[in-house]
Amino acid sequence: MIAARTIRENTTLQEMSTEECWRLARSTDVGRLAVIDHRPSTRGPSAAIVPVNFLVHDGAVYFRSGPGSKMMDLTQHSRVAFEFDGHRGRRYWSVVLHGDAHRLNSDIDIEKSGIQQLEAFHDDDKNNFVRIDVESITGRSFFRWPVYRLRRALRAMRARRPSPTSLSTAE
């Protein structure tokens, strides 16, 4: 119980502004796309989460995709969630956005987005260009003590705590 309380006391959770979320989006290039997975299942549709390289342009998120289940899922249900996270020093953050994903069909839209310059994880044919029209974006960040400092503090607290045997002899 003491360890969990100590860790919680050494983190400070903060809601991030919309502007800060977009700033971090522009400085990040890998995120996770959550779509409704429509593959046959006895339990019905579920969520599928896949990593994608992305870029931000004019308030939208763009990524490339090859043919496959991700694109089939997007054509059946365009509503998506998208998450990216990271840290700098002791500050950790996570941003989640929600919106609708659409395949870009116009060469002009593809050209304007800059998506053609986006490097892919691997060299598969990634000829589907997708834009997420963002409806909402939220983020949280927290600062955290380095683990070695938490361990040192826990050892010091345990050293000050009386042992059960010393309590029984004091009675």
N, C-alpha and C. Protein backbone atom coordinates (compact mmCIF):
# COMPACT_ATOMS: atom_id res chain seq x y z
N MET A 1 0.82 -1.19 0.00
CA MET A 1 0.00 0.00 0.00
C MET A 1 0.86 1.26 0.00
N ILE A 2 1.93 1.24 0.80
CA ILE A 2 2.80 2.41 0.86
C ILE A 2 3.45 2.66 -0.49
N ALA A 3 3.90 1.60 -1.16
CA ALA A 3 4.56 1.77 -2.46
C ALA A 3 3.62 2.42 -3.47
N ALA A 4 2.39 1.95 -3.55
CA ALA A 4 1.44 2.52 -4.51
C ALA A 4 1.15 3.97 -4.18
N ARG A 5 0.97 4.29 -2.90
CA ARG A 5 0.69 5.67 -2.51
C ARG A 5 1.89 6.56 -2.83
N THR A 6 3.09 6.08 -2.56
CA THR A 6 4.30 6.86 -2.84
C THR A 6 4.41 7.15 -4.32
N ILE A 7 4.15 6.16 -5.16
CA ILE A 7 4.25 6.38 -6.60
C ILE A 7 3.20 7.39 -7.05
N ARG A 8 1.96 7.26 -6.57
CA ARG A 8 0.91 8.20 -6.95
C ARG A 8 1.25 9.62 -6.51
N GLU A 9 1.82 9.76 -5.31
CA GLU A 9 2.16 11.08 -4.81
C GLU A 9 3.29 11.71 -5.61
N ASN A 10 4.07 10.91 -6.31
CA ASN A 10 5.19 11.43 -7.08
C ASN A 10 4.86 11.59 -8.56
N THR A 11 3.60 11.54 -8.91
CA THR A 11 3.17 11.83 -10.27
C THR A 11 2.15 12.94 -10.22
N THR A 12 2.17 13.81 -11.19
CA THR A 12 1.24 14.92 -11.26
C THR A 12 0.54 14.87 -12.60
N LEU A 13 -0.71 14.44 -12.60
CA LEU A 13 -1.49 14.31 -13.83
C LEU A 13 -2.07 15.66 -14.21
N GLN A 14 -1.91 16.03 -15.48
CA GLN A 14 -2.43 17.31 -15.97
C GLN A 14 -3.15 17.10 -17.29
N GLU A 15 -4.30 17.77 -17.44
CA GLU A 15 -4.98 17.80 -18.73
C GLU A 15 -4.18 18.76 -19.62
N MET A 16 -4.02 18.40 -20.88
CA MET A 16 -3.28 19.25 -21.81
C MET A 16 -4.27 20.05 -22.65
N SER A 17 -3.85 21.22 -23.07
CA SER A 17 -4.68 22.05 -23.93
C SER A 17 -4.74 21.44 -25.33
N THR A 18 -5.74 21.84 -26.08
CA THR A 18 -5.86 21.39 -27.47
C THR A 18 -4.63 21.79 -28.27
N GLU A 19 -4.14 23.00 -28.05
CA GLU A 19 -2.95 23.47 -28.77
C GLU A 19 -1.73 22.61 -28.46
N GLU A 20 -1.57 22.25 -27.18
CA GLU A 20 -0.44 21.39 -26.79
C GLU A 20 -0.57 20.01 -27.44
N CYS A 21 -1.78 19.47 -27.49
CA CYS A 21 -2.00 18.16 -28.13
C CYS A 21 -1.58 18.22 -29.60
N TRP A 22 -1.99 19.27 -30.31
CA TRP A 22 -1.62 19.39 -31.73
C TRP A 22 -0.12 19.60 -31.90
N ARG A 23 0.50 20.36 -30.98
CA ARG A 23 1.95 20.57 -31.07
C ARG A 23 2.68 19.23 -30.95
N LEU A 24 2.25 18.41 -30.00
CA LEU A 24 2.87 17.10 -29.84
C LEU A 24 2.59 16.20 -31.04
N ALA A 25 1.40 16.31 -31.61
CA ALA A 25 1.07 15.52 -32.81
C ALA A 25 2.02 15.86 -33.95
N ARG A 26 2.34 17.13 -34.10
CA ARG A 26 3.24 17.55 -35.19
C ARG A 26 4.68 17.09 -34.94
N SER A 27 5.02 16.77 -33.69
CA SER A 27 6.40 16.36 -33.39
C SER A 27 6.53 14.84 -33.22
N THR A 28 5.47 14.11 -33.49
CA THR A 28 5.45 12.66 -33.34
C THR A 28 5.17 12.03 -34.70
N ASP A 29 5.69 10.84 -34.94
CA ASP A 29 5.44 10.24 -36.26
C ASP A 29 4.89 8.82 -36.21
N VAL A 30 4.70 8.25 -35.03
CA VAL A 30 4.12 6.91 -34.93
C VAL A 30 2.96 6.96 -33.94
N GLY A 31 1.84 6.40 -34.35
CA GLY A 31 0.66 6.34 -33.49
C GLY A 31 -0.03 5.01 -33.65
N ARG A 32 -1.14 4.84 -32.92
CA ARG A 32 -1.91 3.61 -32.98
C ARG A 32 -3.34 3.94 -33.41
N LEU A 33 -3.75 3.29 -34.48
CA LEU A 33 -5.09 3.47 -35.04
C LEU A 33 -6.00 2.38 -34.50
N ALA A 34 -7.14 2.77 -33.94
CA ALA A 34 -8.14 1.81 -33.45
C ALA A 34 -9.35 1.84 -34.38
N VAL A 35 -9.67 0.68 -34.94
CA VAL A 35 -10.80 0.55 -35.86
C VAL A 35 -11.69 -0.60 -35.38
N ILE A 36 -12.91 -0.64 -35.91
CA ILE A 36 -13.79 -1.78 -35.64
C ILE A 36 -13.35 -2.92 -36.55
N ASP A 37 -13.00 -4.05 -35.95
CA ASP A 37 -12.54 -5.22 -36.69
C ASP A 37 -13.77 -6.05 -37.09
N HIS A 38 -14.02 -6.15 -38.38
CA HIS A 38 -15.21 -6.85 -38.87
C HIS A 38 -14.95 -8.30 -39.28
N ARG A 39 -13.82 -8.85 -38.92
CA ARG A 39 -13.57 -10.26 -39.26
C ARG A 39 -14.59 -11.14 -38.54
N PRO A 40 -14.99 -12.23 -39.18
CA PRO A 40 -16.00 -13.10 -38.56
C PRO A 40 -15.54 -13.59 -37.19
N SER A 41 -16.45 -13.49 -36.23
CA SER A 41 -16.17 -13.93 -34.87
C SER A 41 -17.48 -14.35 -34.23
N THR A 42 -17.42 -15.32 -33.36
CA THR A 42 -18.64 -15.75 -32.67
C THR A 42 -19.13 -14.68 -31.70
N ARG A 43 -18.27 -13.79 -31.31
CA ARG A 43 -18.64 -12.73 -30.37
C ARG A 43 -18.99 -11.41 -31.05
N GLY A 44 -18.90 -11.33 -32.36
CA GLY A 44 -19.22 -10.10 -33.07
C GLY A 44 -17.99 -9.23 -33.25
N PRO A 45 -18.19 -8.02 -33.76
CA PRO A 45 -17.05 -7.13 -34.03
C PRO A 45 -16.30 -6.76 -32.75
N SER A 46 -15.01 -6.52 -32.91
CA SER A 46 -14.19 -6.06 -31.79
C SER A 46 -13.28 -4.95 -32.30
N ALA A 47 -12.45 -4.44 -31.44
CA ALA A 47 -11.52 -3.38 -31.83
C ALA A 47 -10.22 -3.99 -32.33
N ALA A 48 -9.66 -3.38 -33.34
CA ALA A 48 -8.32 -3.74 -33.81
C ALA A 48 -7.46 -2.50 -33.68
N ILE A 49 -6.27 -2.66 -33.16
CA ILE A 49 -5.35 -1.54 -32.96
C ILE A 49 -4.07 -1.85 -33.70
N VAL A 50 -3.67 -0.93 -34.58
CA VAL A 50 -2.48 -1.14 -35.40
C VAL A 50 -1.59 0.10 -35.37
N PRO A 51 -0.27 -0.09 -35.35
CA PRO A 51 0.63 1.06 -35.41
C PRO A 51 0.71 1.59 -36.84
N VAL A 52 0.78 2.90 -36.96
CA VAL A 52 0.95 3.53 -38.27
C VAL A 52 1.87 4.75 -38.15
N ASN A 53 2.61 5.00 -39.20
CA ASN A 53 3.33 6.27 -39.32
C ASN A 53 2.29 7.31 -39.71
N PHE A 54 2.44 8.53 -39.23
CA PHE A 54 1.45 9.54 -39.57
C PHE A 54 2.08 10.92 -39.64
N LEU A 55 1.31 11.84 -40.21
CA LEU A 55 1.68 13.25 -40.18
C LEU A 55 0.42 14.06 -39.99
N VAL A 56 0.61 15.30 -39.56
CA VAL A 56 -0.50 16.22 -39.31
C VAL A 56 -0.40 17.35 -40.32
N HIS A 57 -1.56 17.69 -40.92
CA HIS A 57 -1.61 18.80 -41.87
C HIS A 57 -3.01 19.41 -41.81
N ASP A 58 -3.07 20.71 -41.59
CA ASP A 58 -4.35 21.45 -41.57
C ASP A 58 -5.40 20.81 -40.67
N GLY A 59 -5.03 20.43 -39.46
CA GLY A 59 -5.99 19.91 -38.49
C GLY A 59 -6.50 18.51 -38.77
N ALA A 60 -5.81 17.77 -39.61
CA ALA A 60 -6.18 16.38 -39.90
C ALA A 60 -4.95 15.51 -39.74
N VAL A 61 -5.18 14.22 -39.54
CA VAL A 61 -4.11 13.24 -39.43
C VAL A 61 -4.12 12.39 -40.69
N TYR A 62 -2.94 12.16 -41.26
CA TYR A 62 -2.81 11.39 -42.50
C TYR A 62 -1.90 10.20 -42.27
N PHE A 63 -2.24 9.07 -42.90
CA PHE A 63 -1.36 7.91 -42.89
C PHE A 63 -1.54 7.14 -44.18
N ARG A 64 -0.58 6.26 -44.45
CA ARG A 64 -0.62 5.40 -45.63
C ARG A 64 -0.91 3.98 -45.19
N SER A 65 -1.54 3.22 -46.08
CA SER A 65 -1.85 1.84 -45.75
C SER A 65 -1.82 0.99 -47.00
N GLY A 66 -1.42 -0.24 -46.83
CA GLY A 66 -1.51 -1.20 -47.92
C GLY A 66 -2.90 -1.81 -47.94
N PRO A 67 -3.18 -2.63 -48.94
CA PRO A 67 -4.48 -3.29 -48.98
C PRO A 67 -4.57 -4.30 -47.83
N GLY A 68 -5.76 -4.56 -47.36
CA GLY A 68 -5.91 -5.55 -46.30
C GLY A 68 -7.06 -5.23 -45.37
N SER A 69 -7.04 -5.91 -44.22
CA SER A 69 -8.18 -5.82 -43.30
C SER A 69 -8.39 -4.41 -42.75
N LYS A 70 -7.32 -3.65 -42.53
CA LYS A 70 -7.47 -2.29 -42.01
C LYS A 70 -8.30 -1.44 -42.96
N MET A 71 -8.00 -1.51 -44.25
CA MET A 71 -8.74 -0.72 -45.23
C MET A 71 -10.18 -1.23 -45.37
N MET A 72 -10.36 -2.54 -45.30
CA MET A 72 -11.73 -3.08 -45.37
C MET A 72 -12.54 -2.63 -44.16
N ASP A 73 -11.91 -2.63 -42.97
CA ASP A 73 -12.60 -2.17 -41.77
C ASP A 73 -13.00 -0.71 -41.89
N LEU A 74 -12.11 0.12 -42.44
CA LEU A 74 -12.40 1.55 -42.58
C LEU A 74 -13.54 1.81 -43.57
N THR A 75 -13.64 1.00 -44.60
CA THR A 75 -14.74 1.21 -45.55
C THR A 75 -16.08 0.81 -44.95
N GLN A 76 -16.07 -0.14 -44.02
CA GLN A 76 -17.32 -0.56 -43.37
C GLN A 76 -17.72 0.35 -42.22
N HIS A 77 -16.73 0.94 -41.57
CA HIS A 77 -17.01 1.80 -40.41
C HIS A 77 -15.90 2.84 -40.31
N SER A 78 -16.19 4.06 -40.68
CA SER A 78 -15.14 5.08 -40.77
C SER A 78 -14.77 5.70 -39.42
N ARG A 79 -15.56 5.48 -38.39
CA ARG A 79 -15.29 6.07 -37.08
C ARG A 79 -14.05 5.40 -36.48
N VAL A 80 -13.08 6.21 -36.04
CA VAL A 80 -11.83 5.67 -35.50
C VAL A 80 -11.40 6.44 -34.25
N ALA A 81 -10.51 5.84 -33.53
CA ALA A 81 -9.76 6.51 -32.47
C ALA A 81 -8.29 6.39 -32.85
N PHE A 82 -7.50 7.35 -32.41
CA PHE A 82 -6.08 7.37 -32.75
C PHE A 82 -5.34 7.85 -31.52
N GLU A 83 -4.25 7.15 -31.16
CA GLU A 83 -3.49 7.49 -29.96
C GLU A 83 -2.01 7.56 -30.29
N PHE A 84 -1.34 8.51 -29.67
CA PHE A 84 0.12 8.55 -29.72
C PHE A 84 0.61 9.05 -28.37
N ASP A 85 1.82 8.68 -28.02
CA ASP A 85 2.34 9.05 -26.72
C ASP A 85 3.85 9.21 -26.79
N GLY A 86 4.41 9.64 -25.70
CA GLY A 86 5.86 9.79 -25.65
C GLY A 86 6.29 10.39 -24.33
N HIS A 87 7.55 10.73 -24.26
CA HIS A 87 8.05 11.39 -23.06
C HIS A 87 9.30 12.18 -23.40
N ARG A 88 9.53 13.17 -22.60
CA ARG A 88 10.76 13.96 -22.63
C ARG A 88 11.20 14.12 -21.19
N GLY A 89 12.34 13.55 -20.87
CA GLY A 89 12.79 13.60 -19.49
C GLY A 89 11.81 12.90 -18.58
N ARG A 90 11.34 13.61 -17.55
CA ARG A 90 10.39 13.03 -16.60
C ARG A 90 8.94 13.29 -16.98
N ARG A 91 8.69 13.97 -18.11
CA ARG A 91 7.32 14.28 -18.53
C ARG A 91 6.85 13.22 -19.53
N TYR A 92 5.79 12.52 -19.18
CA TYR A 92 5.18 11.52 -20.05
C TYR A 92 3.83 12.07 -20.50
N TRP A 93 3.41 11.70 -21.71
CA TRP A 93 2.14 12.22 -22.22
C TRP A 93 1.48 11.21 -23.15
N SER A 94 0.17 11.36 -23.26
CA SER A 94 -0.63 10.54 -24.16
C SER A 94 -1.74 11.42 -24.73
N VAL A 95 -1.96 11.29 -26.03
CA VAL A 95 -2.99 12.07 -26.71
C VAL A 95 -3.90 11.10 -27.46
N VAL A 96 -5.20 11.31 -27.35
CA VAL A 96 -6.20 10.49 -28.05
C VAL A 96 -7.08 11.42 -28.87
N LEU A 97 -7.30 11.03 -30.11
CA LEU A 97 -8.23 11.80 -30.93
C LEU A 97 -9.28 10.86 -31.51
N HIS A 98 -10.43 11.43 -31.81
CA HIS A 98 -11.53 10.69 -32.42
C HIS A 98 -11.96 11.41 -33.68
N GLY A 99 -12.37 10.64 -34.66
CA GLY A 99 -12.83 11.24 -35.90
C GLY A 99 -13.24 10.19 -36.90
N ASP A 100 -13.40 10.64 -38.13
CA ASP A 100 -13.77 9.76 -39.23
C ASP A 100 -12.62 9.67 -40.22
N ALA A 101 -12.32 8.45 -40.64
CA ALA A 101 -11.22 8.20 -41.58
C ALA A 101 -11.78 7.98 -42.98
N HIS A 102 -11.13 8.62 -43.95
CA HIS A 102 -11.57 8.51 -45.34
C HIS A 102 -10.36 8.31 -46.23
N ARG A 103 -10.51 7.44 -47.20
CA ARG A 103 -9.46 7.24 -48.20
C ARG A 103 -9.46 8.44 -49.13
N LEU A 104 -8.25 8.97 -49.39
CA LEU A 104 -8.13 10.09 -50.33
C LEU A 104 -8.15 9.53 -51.75
N ASN A 105 -9.02 10.07 -52.57
CA ASN A 105 -9.14 9.61 -53.95
C ASN A 105 -8.64 10.63 -54.96
N SER A 106 -8.46 11.86 -54.52
CA SER A 106 -8.04 12.92 -55.42
C SER A 106 -6.53 13.11 -55.36
N ASP A 107 -5.89 13.11 -56.52
CA ASP A 107 -4.45 13.36 -56.58
C ASP A 107 -4.10 14.71 -55.98
N ILE A 108 -4.97 15.68 -56.15
CA ILE A 108 -4.73 17.03 -55.60
C ILE A 108 -4.72 16.97 -54.08
N ASP A 109 -5.68 16.26 -53.47
CA ASP A 109 -5.72 16.14 -52.01
C ASP A 109 -4.49 15.40 -51.48
N ILE A 110 -4.09 14.36 -52.19
CA ILE A 110 -2.90 13.59 -51.79
C ILE A 110 -1.67 14.48 -51.85
N GLU A 111 -1.53 15.22 -52.93
CA GLU A 111 -0.38 16.12 -53.11
C GLU A 111 -0.35 17.19 -52.02
N LYS A 112 -1.49 17.83 -51.74
CA LYS A 112 -1.55 18.92 -50.76
C LYS A 112 -1.24 18.43 -49.34
N SER A 113 -1.58 17.19 -49.04
CA SER A 113 -1.39 16.68 -47.68
C SER A 113 0.08 16.44 -47.34
N GLY A 114 0.92 16.18 -48.34
CA GLY A 114 2.32 15.86 -48.09
C GLY A 114 2.55 14.41 -47.71
N ILE A 115 1.52 13.60 -47.75
CA ILE A 115 1.61 12.20 -47.30
C ILE A 115 2.55 11.35 -48.14
N GLN A 116 2.78 11.73 -49.38
CA GLN A 116 3.66 10.92 -50.24
C GLN A 116 5.09 10.88 -49.71
N GLN A 117 5.49 11.89 -48.95
CA GLN A 117 6.84 11.92 -48.39
C GLN A 117 6.96 11.13 -47.09
N LEU A 118 5.85 10.65 -46.56
CA LEU A 118 5.87 9.93 -45.29
C LEU A 118 6.52 8.56 -45.46
N GLU A 119 7.55 8.31 -44.66
CA GLU A 119 8.25 7.03 -44.69
C GLU A 119 7.39 5.96 -44.02
N ALA A 120 7.35 4.78 -44.60
CA ALA A 120 6.59 3.67 -44.03
C ALA A 120 7.49 2.80 -43.17
N PHE A 121 6.89 1.99 -42.27
CA PHE A 121 7.64 1.05 -41.44
C PHE A 121 8.40 0.05 -42.30
N HIS A 122 7.74 -0.41 -43.37
CA HIS A 122 8.35 -1.40 -44.25
C HIS A 122 7.94 -1.10 -45.68
N ASP A 123 8.53 -1.79 -46.62
CA ASP A 123 8.39 -1.44 -48.03
C ASP A 123 7.21 -2.07 -48.74
N ASP A 124 6.18 -2.46 -48.04
CA ASP A 124 4.99 -2.98 -48.71
C ASP A 124 4.35 -1.87 -49.55
N ASP A 125 3.47 -2.27 -50.46
CA ASP A 125 2.75 -1.29 -51.27
C ASP A 125 1.75 -0.55 -50.39
N LYS A 126 2.05 0.68 -50.08
CA LYS A 126 1.18 1.50 -49.24
C LYS A 126 0.57 2.59 -50.11
N ASN A 127 -0.32 2.18 -50.99
CA ASN A 127 -0.90 3.11 -51.96
C ASN A 127 -2.27 3.63 -51.57
N ASN A 128 -2.70 3.35 -50.36
CA ASN A 128 -3.94 3.92 -49.85
C ASN A 128 -3.56 5.08 -48.94
N PHE A 129 -4.03 6.26 -49.26
CA PHE A 129 -3.75 7.45 -48.47
C PHE A 129 -5.02 7.79 -47.70
N VAL A 130 -4.89 7.91 -46.38
CA VAL A 130 -6.07 8.06 -45.52
C VAL A 130 -5.95 9.34 -44.70
N ARG A 131 -7.08 10.05 -44.60
CA ARG A 131 -7.17 11.26 -43.77
C ARG A 131 -8.16 11.00 -42.64
N ILE A 132 -7.76 11.35 -41.43
CA ILE A 132 -8.70 11.32 -40.30
C ILE A 132 -9.14 12.76 -40.06
N ASP A 133 -10.43 13.01 -40.25
CA ASP A 133 -11.01 14.31 -39.93
C ASP A 133 -11.27 14.31 -38.43
N VAL A 134 -10.49 15.08 -37.71
CA VAL A 134 -10.50 15.04 -36.24
C VAL A 134 -11.70 15.80 -35.70
N GLU A 135 -12.45 15.10 -34.86
CA GLU A 135 -13.61 15.70 -34.21
C GLU A 135 -13.26 16.17 -32.80
N SER A 136 -12.43 15.38 -32.11
CA SER A 136 -12.00 15.78 -30.76
C SER A 136 -10.57 15.29 -30.54
N ILE A 137 -9.85 16.05 -29.73
CA ILE A 137 -8.48 15.68 -29.36
C ILE A 137 -8.28 16.05 -27.90
N THR A 138 -7.81 15.09 -27.12
CA THR A 138 -7.56 15.32 -25.70
C THR A 138 -6.23 14.69 -25.32
N GLY A 139 -5.63 15.22 -24.28
CA GLY A 139 -4.37 14.66 -23.84
C GLY A 139 -4.14 14.88 -22.37
N ARG A 140 -3.29 14.05 -21.83
CA ARG A 140 -2.87 14.16 -20.44
C ARG A 140 -1.37 13.98 -20.37
N SER A 141 -0.79 14.63 -19.40
CA SER A 141 0.64 14.44 -19.17
C SER A 141 0.88 14.32 -17.68
N PHE A 142 2.00 13.74 -17.34
CA PHE A 142 2.37 13.68 -15.94
C PHE A 142 3.88 13.66 -15.82
N PHE A 143 4.33 14.17 -14.69
CA PHE A 143 5.75 14.16 -14.36
C PHE A 143 5.95 13.04 -13.36
N ARG A 144 7.08 12.39 -13.47
CA ARG A 144 7.31 11.24 -12.62
C ARG A 144 8.74 11.24 -12.11
N TRP A 145 8.86 10.89 -10.86
CA TRP A 145 10.19 10.75 -10.29
C TRP A 145 10.88 9.57 -10.96
N PRO A 146 12.18 9.65 -11.13
CA PRO A 146 12.90 8.48 -11.65
C PRO A 146 12.73 7.29 -10.70
N VAL A 147 12.67 6.10 -11.24
CA VAL A 147 12.42 4.89 -10.45
C VAL A 147 13.46 4.73 -9.34
N TYR A 148 14.71 5.03 -9.62
CA TYR A 148 15.72 4.82 -8.58
C TYR A 148 15.45 5.72 -7.37
N ARG A 149 14.89 6.91 -7.58
CA ARG A 149 14.56 7.78 -6.44
C ARG A 149 13.38 7.22 -5.66
N LEU A 150 12.41 6.66 -6.35
CA LEU A 150 11.27 6.04 -5.66
C LEU A 150 11.74 4.87 -4.81
N ARG A 151 12.60 4.03 -5.36
CA ARG A 151 13.11 2.88 -4.60
C ARG A 151 13.89 3.34 -3.37
N ARG A 152 14.70 4.37 -3.54
CA ARG A 152 15.46 4.90 -2.41
C ARG A 152 14.51 5.42 -1.33
N ALA A 153 13.46 6.13 -1.73
CA ALA A 153 12.49 6.65 -0.76
C ALA A 153 11.76 5.52 -0.05
N LEU A 154 11.40 4.48 -0.78
CA LEU A 154 10.72 3.33 -0.16
C LEU A 154 11.62 2.63 0.85
N ARG A 155 12.90 2.46 0.50
CA ARG A 155 13.84 1.83 1.45
C ARG A 155 13.96 2.67 2.71
N ALA A 156 14.02 3.98 2.55
CA ALA A 156 14.15 4.86 3.72
C ALA A 156 12.89 4.78 4.59
N MET A 157 11.71 4.73 3.96
CA MET A 157 10.47 4.63 4.72
C MET A 157 10.40 3.30 5.47
N ARG A 158 10.79 2.23 4.81
CA ARG A 158 10.76 0.91 5.46
C ARG A 158 11.75 0.85 6.61
N ALA A 159 12.88 1.51 6.47
CA ALA A 159 13.89 1.50 7.53
C ALA A 159 13.38 2.23 8.77
N ARG A 160 12.53 3.25 8.59
CA ARG A 160 11.99 4.00 9.72
C ARG A 160 10.79 3.32 10.38
N ARG A 161 10.16 2.40 9.67
CA ARG A 161 8.97 1.73 10.18
C ARG A 161 9.39 0.72 11.25
N PRO A 162 8.69 0.70 12.40
CA PRO A 162 9.04 -0.29 13.43
C PRO A 162 8.71 -1.70 12.95
N SER A 163 9.52 -2.66 13.34
CA SER A 163 9.28 -4.05 12.95
C SER A 163 8.20 -4.64 13.86
N PRO A 164 7.49 -5.69 13.42
CA PRO A 164 6.45 -6.32 14.25
C PRO A 164 7.02 -6.86 15.56
N THR A 165 8.26 -7.35 15.56
CA THR A 165 8.84 -7.90 16.80
C THR A 165 9.11 -6.80 17.81
N SER A 166 9.52 -5.62 17.36
CA SER A 166 9.79 -4.54 18.31
C SER A 166 8.49 -4.04 18.94
N LEU A 167 7.38 -4.12 18.21
CA LEU A 167 6.10 -3.71 18.77
C LEU A 167 5.63 -4.69 19.85
N SER A 168 5.86 -5.98 19.63
CA SER A 168 5.39 -6.98 20.61
C SER A 168 6.22 -6.93 21.89
N THR A 169 7.49 -6.58 21.82
CA THR A 169 8.33 -6.51 23.03
C THR A 169 8.07 -5.24 23.81
N ALA A 170 7.49 -4.22 23.16
CA ALA A 170 7.25 -2.96 23.84
C ALA A 170 6.04 -3.06 24.76
N GLU A 171 5.16 -4.04 24.56
CA GLU A 171 3.94 -4.16 25.37
C GLU A 171 4.21 -4.70 26.71
